[in-house]
Amino acid sequence: MLRRKNICILIIVVLLILINLSGCTGVKTANLEISFDPNPVYCENDHLYWDVIISETNGIGVNLKNITIDAYVGDDYIGNDHILDESWMEGVFGTSYLSASSSVNYSSGKGPCDGNVGVTLKYEVTGIDDNGHQVEATAELELME
C-alpha cells in the first residue's frame, strides 16, 4: 500500500514538473505587431499612400489605448505627427478592442510629396490585454521619393 502511494506521489510530481516546463501555467500576455503595406512608401501622383495593420499574435485580446506617430529625418526628431486615441479607433474600426489573433487596418497617407519624402515615421501602439498587462508594439515606415 505504501509503495503504491509513493508511486502515485511520484507520478503527480512528474506531471506537475512537465506542466510547469511546458508553459501551461502562468498568465499569457498579448503580442501586438504593426506592419505597413507598402514599406517603404514611394511618391505617387504627388501623394504617399499606405495601409497600417495592427495585429495580435498570441491569442489574447487587447483594448487598444493609442497610436503615436513620431517623425524623424535620419536620427533627428522633427515632431509628433499624430496621437490617435480610443475614440479615433472606435470611429475608424468600430471599436478600440482587438480580438485575440485578429488584426485591424486603416489607410493613411501624406501629400504633397515635397517636404514629406526622406522622413521616417515611427509608430507605437499601446494597449491593455485581457489579462491586465500593458502591451506595446513599435514599427518604422520609410517615406521615399
C-alpha atoms as a PDB file:
ATOM      1  CA  MET A   1       0.000   0.000   0.000  1.00  0.00           C
ATOM      2  CA  LEU A   2       2.801   2.406   0.915  1.00  0.00           C
ATOM      3  CA  ARG A   3       4.627   1.556  -2.302  1.00  0.00           C
ATOM      4  CA  ARG A   4       1.507   2.328  -4.375  1.00  0.00           C
ATOM      5  CA  LYS A   5       1.086   5.685  -2.565  1.00  0.00           C
ATOM      6  CA  ASN A   6       4.738   6.601  -3.242  1.00  0.00           C
ATOM      7  CA  ILE A   7       4.330   5.788  -6.934  1.00  0.00           C
ATOM      8  CA  CYS A   8       1.196   7.977  -7.136  1.00  0.00           C
ATOM      9  CA  ILE A   9       3.020  10.872  -5.460  1.00  0.00           C
ATOM     10  CA  LEU A  10       5.966  10.452  -7.831  1.00  0.00           C
ATOM     11  CA  ILE A  11       3.649  10.474 -10.861  1.00  0.00           C
ATOM     12  CA  ILE A  12       1.901  13.636  -9.617  1.00  0.00           C
ATOM     13  CA  VAL A  13       5.241  15.399  -9.026  1.00  0.00           C
ATOM     14  CA  VAL A  14       6.497  14.436 -12.500  1.00  0.00           C
ATOM     15  CA  LEU A  15       3.250  15.666 -14.107  1.00  0.00           C
ATOM     16  CA  LEU A  16       3.469  18.980 -12.240  1.00  0.00           C
ATOM     17  CA  ILE A  17       7.053  19.456 -13.395  1.00  0.00           C
ATOM     18  CA  LEU A  18       6.100  18.690 -17.007  1.00  0.00           C
ATOM     19  CA  ILE A  19       3.161  21.106 -16.895  1.00  0.00           C
ATOM     20  CA  ASN A  20       5.377  23.826 -15.448  1.00  0.00           C
ATOM     21  CA  LEU A  21       8.077  23.277 -18.086  1.00  0.00           C
ATOM     22  CA  SER A  22       5.524  23.336 -20.910  1.00  0.00           C
ATOM     23  CA  GLY A  23       4.407  26.856 -20.043  1.00  0.00           C
ATOM     24  CA  CYS A  24       0.828  25.831 -19.321  1.00  0.00           C
ATOM     25  CA  THR A  25       0.920  27.615 -16.005  1.00  0.00           C
ATOM     26  CA  GLY A  26       1.120  31.367 -15.670  1.00  0.00           C
ATOM     27  CA  VAL A  27      -0.792  34.073 -17.449  1.00  0.00           C
ATOM     28  CA  LYS A  28      -0.048  34.783 -21.091  1.00  0.00           C
ATOM     29  CA  THR A  29       0.485  38.281 -22.439  1.00  0.00           C
ATOM     30  CA  ALA A  30      -0.860  39.573 -25.739  1.00  0.00           C
ATOM     31  CA  ASN A  31       1.618  40.258 -28.528  1.00  0.00           C
ATOM     32  CA  LEU A  32       0.953  43.302 -30.721  1.00  0.00           C
ATOM     33  CA  GLU A  33       2.567  43.827 -34.113  1.00  0.00           C
ATOM     34  CA  ILE A  34       2.437  46.774 -36.518  1.00  0.00           C
ATOM     35  CA  SER A  35       3.102  46.398 -40.234  1.00  0.00           C
ATOM     36  CA  PHE A  36       2.641  48.537 -43.325  1.00  0.00           C
ATOM     37  CA  ASP A  37       1.681  47.928 -46.927  1.00  0.00           C
ATOM     38  CA  PRO A  38       3.854  49.005 -48.662  1.00  0.00           C
ATOM     39  CA  ASN A  39       7.009  49.816 -46.756  1.00  0.00           C
ATOM     40  CA  PRO A  40       8.886  51.797 -47.951  1.00  0.00           C
ATOM     41  CA  VAL A  41       6.286  54.130 -49.466  1.00  0.00           C
ATOM     42  CA  TYR A  42       7.102  55.880 -52.741  1.00  0.00           C
ATOM     43  CA  CYS A  43       5.597  59.122 -54.002  1.00  0.00           C
ATOM     44  CA  GLU A  44       2.762  58.522 -56.490  1.00  0.00           C
ATOM     45  CA  ASN A  45       0.697  61.335 -58.062  1.00  0.00           C
ATOM     46  CA  ASP A  46       2.315  63.755 -55.575  1.00  0.00           C
ATOM     47  CA  HIS A  47       0.971  61.748 -52.605  1.00  0.00           C
ATOM     48  CA  LEU A  48       2.211  58.997 -50.319  1.00  0.00           C
ATOM     49  CA  TYR A  49      -0.322  56.237 -49.513  1.00  0.00           C
ATOM     50  CA  TRP A  50      -0.036  53.207 -47.224  1.00  0.00           C
ATOM     51  CA  ASP A  51      -2.048  50.857 -45.045  1.00  0.00           C
ATOM     52  CA  VAL A  52      -1.326  50.362 -41.346  1.00  0.00           C
ATOM     53  CA  ILE A  53      -2.025  46.862 -39.986  1.00  0.00           C
ATOM     54  CA  ILE A  54      -2.191  46.207 -36.224  1.00  0.00           C
ATOM     55  CA  SER A  55      -2.258  42.529 -35.252  1.00  0.00           C
ATOM     56  CA  GLU A  56      -2.473  40.464 -32.079  1.00  0.00           C
ATOM     57  CA  THR A  57      -0.490  37.221 -32.463  1.00  0.00           C
ATOM     58  CA  ASN A  58      -0.555  35.442 -29.083  1.00  0.00           C
ATOM     59  CA  GLY A  59      -4.251  34.618 -28.688  1.00  0.00           C
ATOM     60  CA  ILE A  60      -5.078  37.325 -26.103  1.00  0.00           C
ATOM     61  CA  GLY A  61      -7.479  40.231 -26.777  1.00  0.00           C
ATOM     62  CA  VAL A  62      -6.303  43.823 -26.290  1.00  0.00           C
ATOM     63  CA  ASN A  63      -8.076  47.078 -25.514  1.00  0.00           C
ATOM     64  CA  LEU A  64      -6.061  49.487 -27.680  1.00  0.00           C
ATOM     65  CA  LYS A  65      -5.324  52.808 -25.956  1.00  0.00           C
ATOM     66  CA  ASN A  66      -3.472  54.912 -28.521  1.00  0.00           C
ATOM     67  CA  ILE A  67      -1.311  55.037 -31.602  1.00  0.00           C
ATOM     68  CA  THR A  68       1.524  57.571 -31.538  1.00  0.00           C
ATOM     69  CA  ILE A  69       3.313  58.578 -34.735  1.00  0.00           C
ATOM     70  CA  ASP A  70       6.614  60.461 -34.483  1.00  0.00           C
ATOM     71  CA  ALA A  71       8.501  61.852 -37.477  1.00  0.00           C
ATOM     72  CA  TYR A  72      12.271  61.702 -37.972  1.00  0.00           C
ATOM     73  CA  VAL A  73      14.753  62.726 -40.636  1.00  0.00           C
ATOM     74  CA  GLY A  74      17.698  60.459 -40.050  1.00  0.00           C
ATOM     75  CA  ASP A  75      18.194  60.428 -36.282  1.00  0.00           C
ATOM     76  CA  ASP A  76      16.732  63.907 -35.865  1.00  0.00           C
ATOM     77  CA  TYR A  77      13.286  64.071 -34.285  1.00  0.00           C
ATOM     78  CA  ILE A  78      11.186  66.570 -36.230  1.00  0.00           C
ATOM     79  CA  GLY A  79       7.902  66.259 -34.341  1.00  0.00           C
ATOM     80  CA  ASN A  80       4.847  64.311 -33.382  1.00  0.00           C
ATOM     81  CA  ASP A  81       2.803  63.589 -36.462  1.00  0.00           C
ATOM     82  CA  HIS A  82      -0.301  62.233 -34.677  1.00  0.00           C
ATOM     83  CA  ILE A  83      -1.634  60.739 -31.482  1.00  0.00           C
ATOM     84  CA  LEU A  84      -4.683  58.608 -32.240  1.00  0.00           C
ATOM     85  CA  ASP A  85      -6.759  57.710 -29.168  1.00  0.00           C
ATOM     86  CA  GLU A  86      -9.503  55.213 -28.329  1.00  0.00           C
ATOM     87  CA  SER A  87     -12.286  57.443 -29.653  1.00  0.00           C
ATOM     88  CA  TRP A  88     -10.480  57.769 -33.007  1.00  0.00           C
ATOM     89  CA  MET A  89     -10.122  53.957 -33.168  1.00  0.00           C
ATOM     90  CA  GLU A  90     -13.808  53.488 -32.313  1.00  0.00           C
ATOM     91  CA  GLY A  91     -14.714  55.831 -35.167  1.00  0.00           C
ATOM     92  CA  VAL A  92     -12.424  54.097 -37.687  1.00  0.00           C
ATOM     93  CA  PHE A  93     -12.553  50.436 -36.547  1.00  0.00           C
ATOM     94  CA  GLY A  94     -15.948  50.492 -34.819  1.00  0.00           C
ATOM     95  CA  THR A  95     -14.214  49.525 -31.557  1.00  0.00           C
ATOM     96  CA  SER A  96     -10.912  50.021 -29.763  1.00  0.00           C
ATOM     97  CA  TYR A  97     -10.862  46.315 -28.783  1.00  0.00           C
ATOM     98  CA  LEU A  98      -8.639  43.995 -30.824  1.00  0.00           C
ATOM     99  CA  SER A  99      -9.819  40.391 -30.507  1.00  0.00           C
ATOM    100  CA  ALA A 100      -7.378  37.562 -29.889  1.00  0.00           C
ATOM    101  CA  SER A 101      -5.387  36.545 -33.005  1.00  0.00           C
ATOM    102  CA  SER A 102      -7.012  39.206 -35.170  1.00  0.00           C
ATOM    103  CA  SER A 103      -5.980  42.400 -36.925  1.00  0.00           C
ATOM    104  CA  VAL A 104      -7.331  45.783 -37.959  1.00  0.00           C
ATOM    105  CA  ASN A 105      -6.090  48.079 -40.651  1.00  0.00           C
ATOM    106  CA  TYR A 106      -6.596  51.588 -41.921  1.00  0.00           C
ATOM    107  CA  SER A 107      -5.401  53.584 -44.890  1.00  0.00           C
ATOM    108  CA  SER A 108      -3.165  56.567 -44.361  1.00  0.00           C
ATOM    109  CA  GLY A 109      -1.210  58.997 -46.469  1.00  0.00           C
ATOM    110  CA  LYS A 110       0.512  62.319 -46.900  1.00  0.00           C
ATOM    111  CA  GLY A 111       0.683  64.848 -49.633  1.00  0.00           C
ATOM    112  CA  PRO A 112       2.115  66.640 -51.371  1.00  0.00           C
ATOM    113  CA  CYS A 113       5.302  64.605 -51.509  1.00  0.00           C
ATOM    114  CA  ASP A 114       7.559  67.663 -51.334  1.00  0.00           C
ATOM    115  CA  GLY A 115       8.569  68.053 -47.695  1.00  0.00           C
ATOM    116  CA  ASN A 116       7.415  64.579 -46.712  1.00  0.00           C
ATOM    117  CA  VAL A 117       9.899  62.330 -48.513  1.00  0.00           C
ATOM    118  CA  GLY A 118      13.036  61.260 -46.698  1.00  0.00           C
ATOM    119  CA  VAL A 119      11.013  61.061 -43.489  1.00  0.00           C
ATOM    120  CA  THR A 120      10.759  58.046 -41.196  1.00  0.00           C
ATOM    121  CA  LEU A 121       7.511  57.662 -39.266  1.00  0.00           C
ATOM    122  CA  LYS A 122       7.864  55.715 -36.028  1.00  0.00           C
ATOM    123  CA  TYR A 123       4.566  54.166 -34.951  1.00  0.00           C
ATOM    124  CA  GLU A 124       3.865  52.978 -31.417  1.00  0.00           C
ATOM    125  CA  VAL A 125       0.612  51.304 -30.396  1.00  0.00           C
ATOM    126  CA  THR A 126      -0.230  50.695 -26.740  1.00  0.00           C
ATOM    127  CA  GLY A 127      -2.992  48.770 -25.004  1.00  0.00           C
ATOM    128  CA  ILE A 128      -4.069  46.654 -22.059  1.00  0.00           C
ATOM    129  CA  ASP A 129      -4.590  42.950 -22.725  1.00  0.00           C
ATOM    130  CA  ASP A 130      -7.380  40.762 -21.323  1.00  0.00           C
ATOM    131  CA  ASN A 131      -5.052  39.654 -18.511  1.00  0.00           C
ATOM    132  CA  GLY A 132      -4.312  43.228 -17.399  1.00  0.00           C
ATOM    133  CA  HIS A 133      -0.831  43.507 -18.923  1.00  0.00           C
ATOM    134  CA  GLN A 134       0.246  46.716 -20.631  1.00  0.00           C
ATOM    135  CA  VAL A 135       1.443  45.858 -24.134  1.00  0.00           C
ATOM    136  CA  GLU A 136       3.000  47.860 -26.925  1.00  0.00           C
ATOM    137  CA  ALA A 137       4.499  47.498 -30.366  1.00  0.00           C
ATOM    138  CA  THR A 138       6.664  49.770 -32.487  1.00  0.00           C
ATOM    139  CA  ALA A 139       7.487  49.858 -36.183  1.00  0.00           C
ATOM    140  CA  GLU A 140       9.013  52.257 -38.691  1.00  0.00           C
ATOM    141  CA  LEU A 141       7.723  53.415 -42.062  1.00  0.00           C
ATOM    142  CA  GLU A 142      10.021  54.987 -44.668  1.00  0.00           C
ATOM    143  CA  LEU A 143       8.624  57.735 -46.954  1.00  0.00           C
ATOM    144  CA  MET A 144      10.646  57.866 -50.195  1.00  0.00           C
ATOM    145  CA  GLU A 145      10.662  59.921 -53.400  1.00  0.00           C
END
